[in-house]
Amino acid sequence: MRFALLVATLVLCVCVCGSGAPGKAAAYWQAGPSTDSVVPCDISAYVTDRDPHGLNVRSGPGGANKVVGNLPSQQVEGGIVVHVTGSSGDWFRIDEAFEVGGEEERVFFKGAGWVYGPLLGADGVGGGTDIYQEMSAKSRVVVRVPGDSGGLKLRGCRGRWTYVEYKKVKGWAAPDTLCTNPLTTCA
């Protein structure tokens, strides 16, 4: 009797929990985080995605949301800069994307949309940028990023602070201490 109860419990667990269900990352990509958990911010970044099809702008955070725009990676004279108004997990809410460094500044997106954060970047400024452990210039510096680093990945934001990753070290960049123009060192 105990054995039958144990087997029934085990079968119920497998049915409820699911066997072969997508992993946490796959579920996140499909559904995305809730838009209720959007952290407001006011930062800029440049697009690092080199996919010939461009970077999709989606209606919400997550790969399963409808594509509402596309930021080209081909036939762009300069680079593409986005204005970020919020973040939710690895996704960033943007309200504008435009070209810098071309003969004329072209706007590629205007409105409300979401882009995948690891495809956005920034650099340290000319003399270098300190990355802090916490959102305070009084907290410990975890790494100093050179002005021509070219390797900062955006991981989040809050207000005018940007949460970044540089050579596997994560921390906070203070407002106005990152170069978000992909064509200069912002010296």
C-alpha atoms as a PDB file:
ATOM      1  CA  MET A   1       0.000   0.000   0.000  1.00  0.00           C
ATOM      2  CA  ARG A   2       2.804   2.425   0.918  1.00  0.00           C
ATOM      3  CA  PHE A   3       4.606   1.536  -2.308  1.00  0.00           C
ATOM      4  CA  ALA A   4       1.482   2.282  -4.394  1.00  0.00           C
ATOM      5  CA  LEU A   5       1.039   5.615  -2.588  1.00  0.00           C
ATOM      6  CA  LEU A   6       4.701   6.517  -3.211  1.00  0.00           C
ATOM      7  CA  VAL A   7       4.419   5.669  -6.940  1.00  0.00           C
ATOM      8  CA  ALA A   8       1.175   7.673  -7.264  1.00  0.00           C
ATOM      9  CA  THR A   9       2.814  10.679  -5.566  1.00  0.00           C
ATOM     10  CA  LEU A  10       5.830  10.414  -7.855  1.00  0.00           C
ATOM     11  CA  VAL A  11       3.646  10.229 -10.975  1.00  0.00           C
ATOM     12  CA  LEU A  12       1.651  13.250  -9.794  1.00  0.00           C
ATOM     13  CA  CYS A  13       4.879  15.235  -9.246  1.00  0.00           C
ATOM     14  CA  VAL A  14       6.118  14.411 -12.740  1.00  0.00           C
ATOM     15  CA  CYS A  15       2.776  15.424 -14.270  1.00  0.00           C
ATOM     16  CA  VAL A  16       2.508  18.701 -12.328  1.00  0.00           C
ATOM     17  CA  CYS A  17       6.164  19.734 -12.571  1.00  0.00           C
ATOM     18  CA  GLY A  18       6.511  18.511 -16.112  1.00  0.00           C
ATOM     19  CA  SER A  19       9.180  16.374 -17.576  1.00  0.00           C
ATOM     20  CA  GLY A  20      10.972  17.802 -20.514  1.00  0.00           C
ATOM     21  CA  ALA A  21       9.679  21.318 -19.766  1.00  0.00           C
ATOM     22  CA  PRO A  22      11.878  24.111 -21.068  1.00  0.00           C
ATOM     23  CA  GLY A  23      14.619  25.279 -18.776  1.00  0.00           C
ATOM     24  CA  LYS A  24      14.445  28.557 -16.894  1.00  0.00           C
ATOM     25  CA  ALA A  25      16.300  30.458 -19.646  1.00  0.00           C
ATOM     26  CA  ALA A  26      14.035  29.095 -22.380  1.00  0.00           C
ATOM     27  CA  ALA A  27      10.915  29.952 -20.397  1.00  0.00           C
ATOM     28  CA  TYR A  28      12.254  33.452 -19.765  1.00  0.00           C
ATOM     29  CA  TRP A  29      13.001  33.990 -23.453  1.00  0.00           C
ATOM     30  CA  GLN A  30       9.527  32.846 -24.461  1.00  0.00           C
ATOM     31  CA  ALA A  31       7.429  34.642 -21.884  1.00  0.00           C
ATOM     32  CA  GLY A  32       9.745  37.349 -20.622  1.00  0.00           C
ATOM     33  CA  PRO A  33       9.422  39.023 -17.250  1.00  0.00           C
ATOM     34  CA  SER A  34       6.227  40.725 -16.190  1.00  0.00           C
ATOM     35  CA  THR A  35       5.904  44.351 -17.266  1.00  0.00           C
ATOM     36  CA  ASP A  36       4.768  44.996 -13.680  1.00  0.00           C
ATOM     37  CA  SER A  37       8.445  44.712 -12.678  1.00  0.00           C
ATOM     38  CA  VAL A  38       9.773  47.499 -14.925  1.00  0.00           C
ATOM     39  CA  VAL A  39      12.529  49.558 -13.330  1.00  0.00           C
ATOM     40  CA  PRO A  40      12.356  53.146 -14.647  1.00  0.00           C
ATOM     41  CA  CYS A  41      15.564  54.704 -15.940  1.00  0.00           C
ATOM     42  CA  ASP A  42      16.919  57.395 -18.235  1.00  0.00           C
ATOM     43  CA  ILE A  43      20.095  56.243 -20.013  1.00  0.00           C
ATOM     44  CA  SER A  44      21.481  55.783 -23.514  1.00  0.00           C
ATOM     45  CA  ALA A  45      23.362  52.915 -25.148  1.00  0.00           C
ATOM     46  CA  TYR A  46      24.469  51.829 -28.589  1.00  0.00           C
ATOM     47  CA  VAL A  47      23.433  48.731 -30.504  1.00  0.00           C
ATOM     48  CA  THR A  48      26.115  46.017 -30.700  1.00  0.00           C
ATOM     49  CA  ASP A  49      24.027  43.422 -32.567  1.00  0.00           C
ATOM     50  CA  ARG A  50      25.590  42.546 -35.950  1.00  0.00           C
ATOM     51  CA  ASP A  51      22.837  40.211 -37.136  1.00  0.00           C
ATOM     52  CA  PRO A  52      22.290  40.997 -40.849  1.00  0.00           C
ATOM     53  CA  HIS A  53      18.537  40.967 -40.154  1.00  0.00           C
ATOM     54  CA  GLY A  54      18.916  43.709 -37.520  1.00  0.00           C
ATOM     55  CA  LEU A  55      17.803  43.958 -33.899  1.00  0.00           C
ATOM     56  CA  ASN A  56      14.095  43.369 -33.316  1.00  0.00           C
ATOM     57  CA  VAL A  57      12.146  45.837 -31.212  1.00  0.00           C
ATOM     58  CA  ARG A  58       9.297  44.015 -29.448  1.00  0.00           C
ATOM     59  CA  SER A  59       5.989  45.040 -27.888  1.00  0.00           C
ATOM     60  CA  GLY A  60       7.053  43.724 -24.469  1.00  0.00           C
ATOM     61  CA  PRO A  61       9.995  42.193 -22.633  1.00  0.00           C
ATOM     62  CA  GLY A  62      10.564  38.693 -24.015  1.00  0.00           C
ATOM     63  CA  GLY A  63      11.181  36.975 -27.313  1.00  0.00           C
ATOM     64  CA  ALA A  64       7.567  35.807 -27.666  1.00  0.00           C
ATOM     65  CA  ASN A  65       6.242  39.371 -27.882  1.00  0.00           C
ATOM     66  CA  LYS A  66       5.240  40.885 -31.230  1.00  0.00           C
ATOM     67  CA  VAL A  67       7.971  42.607 -33.301  1.00  0.00           C
ATOM     68  CA  VAL A  68       7.024  46.301 -33.621  1.00  0.00           C
ATOM     69  CA  GLY A  69      10.225  47.552 -35.245  1.00  0.00           C
ATOM     70  CA  ASN A  70      13.719  46.642 -36.400  1.00  0.00           C
ATOM     71  CA  LEU A  71      17.053  48.420 -35.969  1.00  0.00           C
ATOM     72  CA  PRO A  72      19.239  47.685 -39.005  1.00  0.00           C
ATOM     73  CA  SER A  73      22.856  46.557 -38.719  1.00  0.00           C
ATOM     74  CA  GLN A  74      23.503  46.860 -42.457  1.00  0.00           C
ATOM     75  CA  GLN A  75      23.514  50.011 -44.598  1.00  0.00           C
ATOM     76  CA  VAL A  76      24.087  52.280 -41.607  1.00  0.00           C
ATOM     77  CA  GLU A  77      26.884  54.826 -42.039  1.00  0.00           C
ATOM     78  CA  GLY A  78      27.433  55.434 -38.339  1.00  0.00           C
ATOM     79  CA  GLY A  79      26.109  53.630 -35.297  1.00  0.00           C
ATOM     80  CA  ILE A  80      22.672  53.306 -33.724  1.00  0.00           C
ATOM     81  CA  VAL A  81      21.998  54.826 -30.297  1.00  0.00           C
ATOM     82  CA  VAL A  82      18.905  54.024 -28.217  1.00  0.00           C
ATOM     83  CA  HIS A  83      17.300  55.983 -25.401  1.00  0.00           C
ATOM     84  CA  VAL A  84      16.358  53.596 -22.592  1.00  0.00           C
ATOM     85  CA  THR A  85      13.413  54.389 -20.302  1.00  0.00           C
ATOM     86  CA  GLY A  86      13.198  51.180 -18.273  1.00  0.00           C
ATOM     87  CA  SER A  87      14.435  47.638 -17.763  1.00  0.00           C
ATOM     88  CA  SER A  88      12.910  44.307 -16.840  1.00  0.00           C
ATOM     89  CA  GLY A  89      15.323  41.423 -16.456  1.00  0.00           C
ATOM     90  CA  ASP A  90      17.555  41.297 -19.554  1.00  0.00           C
ATOM     91  CA  TRP A  91      15.152  43.490 -21.552  1.00  0.00           C
ATOM     92  CA  PHE A  92      15.305  47.252 -22.002  1.00  0.00           C
ATOM     93  CA  ARG A  93      12.382  49.530 -22.826  1.00  0.00           C
ATOM     94  CA  ILE A  94      13.289  52.150 -25.424  1.00  0.00           C
ATOM     95  CA  ASP A  95      11.417  55.136 -26.822  1.00  0.00           C
ATOM     96  CA  GLU A  96      13.805  56.139 -29.611  1.00  0.00           C
ATOM     97  CA  ALA A  97      16.612  54.744 -31.766  1.00  0.00           C
ATOM     98  CA  PHE A  98      18.625  56.937 -34.124  1.00  0.00           C
ATOM     99  CA  GLU A  99      21.788  56.901 -36.206  1.00  0.00           C
ATOM    100  CA  VAL A 100      24.858  58.904 -35.187  1.00  0.00           C
ATOM    101  CA  GLY A 101      27.832  59.577 -37.433  1.00  0.00           C
ATOM    102  CA  GLY A 102      26.059  59.393 -40.762  1.00  0.00           C
ATOM    103  CA  GLU A 103      25.619  62.248 -43.198  1.00  0.00           C
ATOM    104  CA  GLU A 104      22.279  62.942 -41.560  1.00  0.00           C
ATOM    105  CA  GLU A 105      20.768  61.713 -38.309  1.00  0.00           C
ATOM    106  CA  ARG A 106      18.109  59.153 -39.197  1.00  0.00           C
ATOM    107  CA  VAL A 107      15.479  58.001 -36.695  1.00  0.00           C
ATOM    108  CA  PHE A 108      14.894  54.236 -36.941  1.00  0.00           C
ATOM    109  CA  PHE A 109      12.359  53.860 -34.141  1.00  0.00           C
ATOM    110  CA  LYS A 110      10.132  56.157 -32.122  1.00  0.00           C
ATOM    111  CA  GLY A 111       7.505  54.927 -29.689  1.00  0.00           C
ATOM    112  CA  ALA A 112       7.415  52.239 -27.008  1.00  0.00           C
ATOM    113  CA  GLY A 113       9.410  49.067 -27.584  1.00  0.00           C
ATOM    114  CA  TRP A 114      11.705  46.514 -25.955  1.00  0.00           C
ATOM    115  CA  VAL A 115      15.147  45.246 -27.001  1.00  0.00           C
ATOM    116  CA  TYR A 116      17.306  42.448 -25.641  1.00  0.00           C
ATOM    117  CA  GLY A 117      19.864  44.074 -23.305  1.00  0.00           C
ATOM    118  CA  PRO A 118      22.956  41.965 -24.037  1.00  0.00           C
ATOM    119  CA  LEU A 119      22.826  43.393 -27.578  1.00  0.00           C
ATOM    120  CA  LEU A 120      23.383  46.917 -26.227  1.00  0.00           C
ATOM    121  CA  GLY A 121      26.684  48.395 -25.134  1.00  0.00           C
ATOM    122  CA  ALA A 122      28.638  51.421 -23.932  1.00  0.00           C
ATOM    123  CA  ASP A 123      32.262  52.367 -23.310  1.00  0.00           C
ATOM    124  CA  GLY A 124      34.181  54.088 -20.578  1.00  0.00           C
ATOM    125  CA  VAL A 125      34.830  57.796 -21.139  1.00  0.00           C
ATOM    126  CA  GLY A 126      38.190  59.163 -22.336  1.00  0.00           C
ATOM    127  CA  GLY A 127      40.007  59.085 -18.991  1.00  0.00           C
ATOM    128  CA  GLY A 128      38.321  55.883 -17.828  1.00  0.00           C
ATOM    129  CA  THR A 129      35.184  55.071 -15.873  1.00  0.00           C
ATOM    130  CA  ASP A 130      34.908  53.644 -12.371  1.00  0.00           C
ATOM    131  CA  ILE A 131      32.379  50.856 -11.924  1.00  0.00           C
ATOM    132  CA  TYR A 132      30.997  50.711  -8.388  1.00  0.00           C
ATOM    133  CA  GLN A 133      29.750  47.831  -6.293  1.00  0.00           C
ATOM    134  CA  GLU A 134      26.600  49.781  -5.396  1.00  0.00           C
ATOM    135  CA  MET A 135      24.709  52.756  -6.817  1.00  0.00           C
ATOM    136  CA  SER A 136      26.888  55.222  -4.963  1.00  0.00           C
ATOM    137  CA  ALA A 137      30.149  56.930  -5.881  1.00  0.00           C
ATOM    138  CA  LYS A 138      31.131  56.325  -2.245  1.00  0.00           C
ATOM    139  CA  SER A 139      30.916  52.535  -2.607  1.00  0.00           C
ATOM    140  CA  ARG A 140      33.845  50.306  -3.529  1.00  0.00           C
ATOM    141  CA  VAL A 141      35.190  50.490  -7.098  1.00  0.00           C
ATOM    142  CA  VAL A 142      35.057  46.952  -8.543  1.00  0.00           C
ATOM    143  CA  VAL A 143      36.794  47.761 -11.846  1.00  0.00           C
ATOM    144  CA  ARG A 144      38.039  50.749 -13.828  1.00  0.00           C
ATOM    145  CA  VAL A 145      37.049  50.676 -17.501  1.00  0.00           C
ATOM    146  CA  PRO A 146      39.395  52.370 -20.010  1.00  0.00           C
ATOM    147  CA  GLY A 147      37.946  54.978 -22.355  1.00  0.00           C
ATOM    148  CA  ASP A 148      38.345  52.838 -25.458  1.00  0.00           C
ATOM    149  CA  SER A 149      37.174  49.611 -23.816  1.00  0.00           C
ATOM    150  CA  GLY A 150      34.541  48.603 -26.360  1.00  0.00           C
ATOM    151  CA  GLY A 151      33.406  45.793 -24.122  1.00  0.00           C
ATOM    152  CA  LEU A 152      30.751  46.990 -21.687  1.00  0.00           C
ATOM    153  CA  LYS A 153      27.484  45.058 -21.771  1.00  0.00           C
ATOM    154  CA  LEU A 154      24.335  46.539 -20.312  1.00  0.00           C
ATOM    155  CA  ARG A 155      22.681  44.389 -17.658  1.00  0.00           C
ATOM    156  CA  GLY A 156      20.213  46.792 -16.052  1.00  0.00           C
ATOM    157  CA  CYS A 157      19.494  50.354 -15.023  1.00  0.00           C
ATOM    158  CA  ARG A 158      17.860  52.390 -12.291  1.00  0.00           C
ATOM    159  CA  GLY A 159      17.288  56.109 -12.648  1.00  0.00           C
ATOM    160  CA  ARG A 160      20.376  57.469 -14.377  1.00  0.00           C
ATOM    161  CA  TRP A 161      22.678  54.666 -13.104  1.00  0.00           C
ATOM    162  CA  THR A 162      23.620  51.821 -15.471  1.00  0.00           C
ATOM    163  CA  TYR A 163      24.341  48.262 -14.340  1.00  0.00           C
ATOM    164  CA  VAL A 164      27.111  46.932 -16.607  1.00  0.00           C
ATOM    165  CA  GLU A 165      29.397  43.959 -17.101  1.00  0.00           C
ATOM    166  CA  TYR A 166      33.053  44.333 -18.089  1.00  0.00           C
ATOM    167  CA  LYS A 167      35.306  41.267 -18.389  1.00  0.00           C
ATOM    168  CA  LYS A 168      32.863  39.242 -16.247  1.00  0.00           C
ATOM    169  CA  VAL A 169      32.813  41.884 -13.481  1.00  0.00           C
ATOM    170  CA  LYS A 170      29.428  43.511 -12.825  1.00  0.00           C
ATOM    171  CA  GLY A 171      28.749  46.837 -11.199  1.00  0.00           C
ATOM    172  CA  TRP A 172      27.165  50.282 -11.451  1.00  0.00           C
ATOM    173  CA  ALA A 173      28.302  53.171 -13.648  1.00  0.00           C
ATOM    174  CA  ALA A 174      27.404  56.619 -12.327  1.00  0.00           C
ATOM    175  CA  PRO A 175      25.304  59.006 -14.428  1.00  0.00           C
ATOM    176  CA  ASP A 176      27.148  60.663 -17.321  1.00  0.00           C
ATOM    177  CA  THR A 177      30.258  58.460 -16.973  1.00  0.00           C
ATOM    178  CA  LEU A 178      29.693  56.189 -19.978  1.00  0.00           C
ATOM    179  CA  CYS A 179      30.304  56.875 -23.646  1.00  0.00           C
ATOM    180  CA  THR A 180      27.231  55.834 -25.609  1.00  0.00           C
ATOM    181  CA  ASN A 181      28.465  57.007 -28.988  1.00  0.00           C
ATOM    182  CA  PRO A 182      29.986  54.000 -30.784  1.00  0.00           C
ATOM    183  CA  LEU A 183      32.161  56.240 -32.990  1.00  0.00           C
ATOM    184  CA  THR A 184      34.087  58.261 -30.361  1.00  0.00           C
ATOM    185  CA  THR A 185      35.777  57.874 -26.983  1.00  0.00           C
ATOM    186  CA  CYS A 186      33.756  60.803 -25.563  1.00  0.00           C
ATOM    187  CA  ALA A 187      37.023  62.358 -24.293  1.00  0.00           C
END
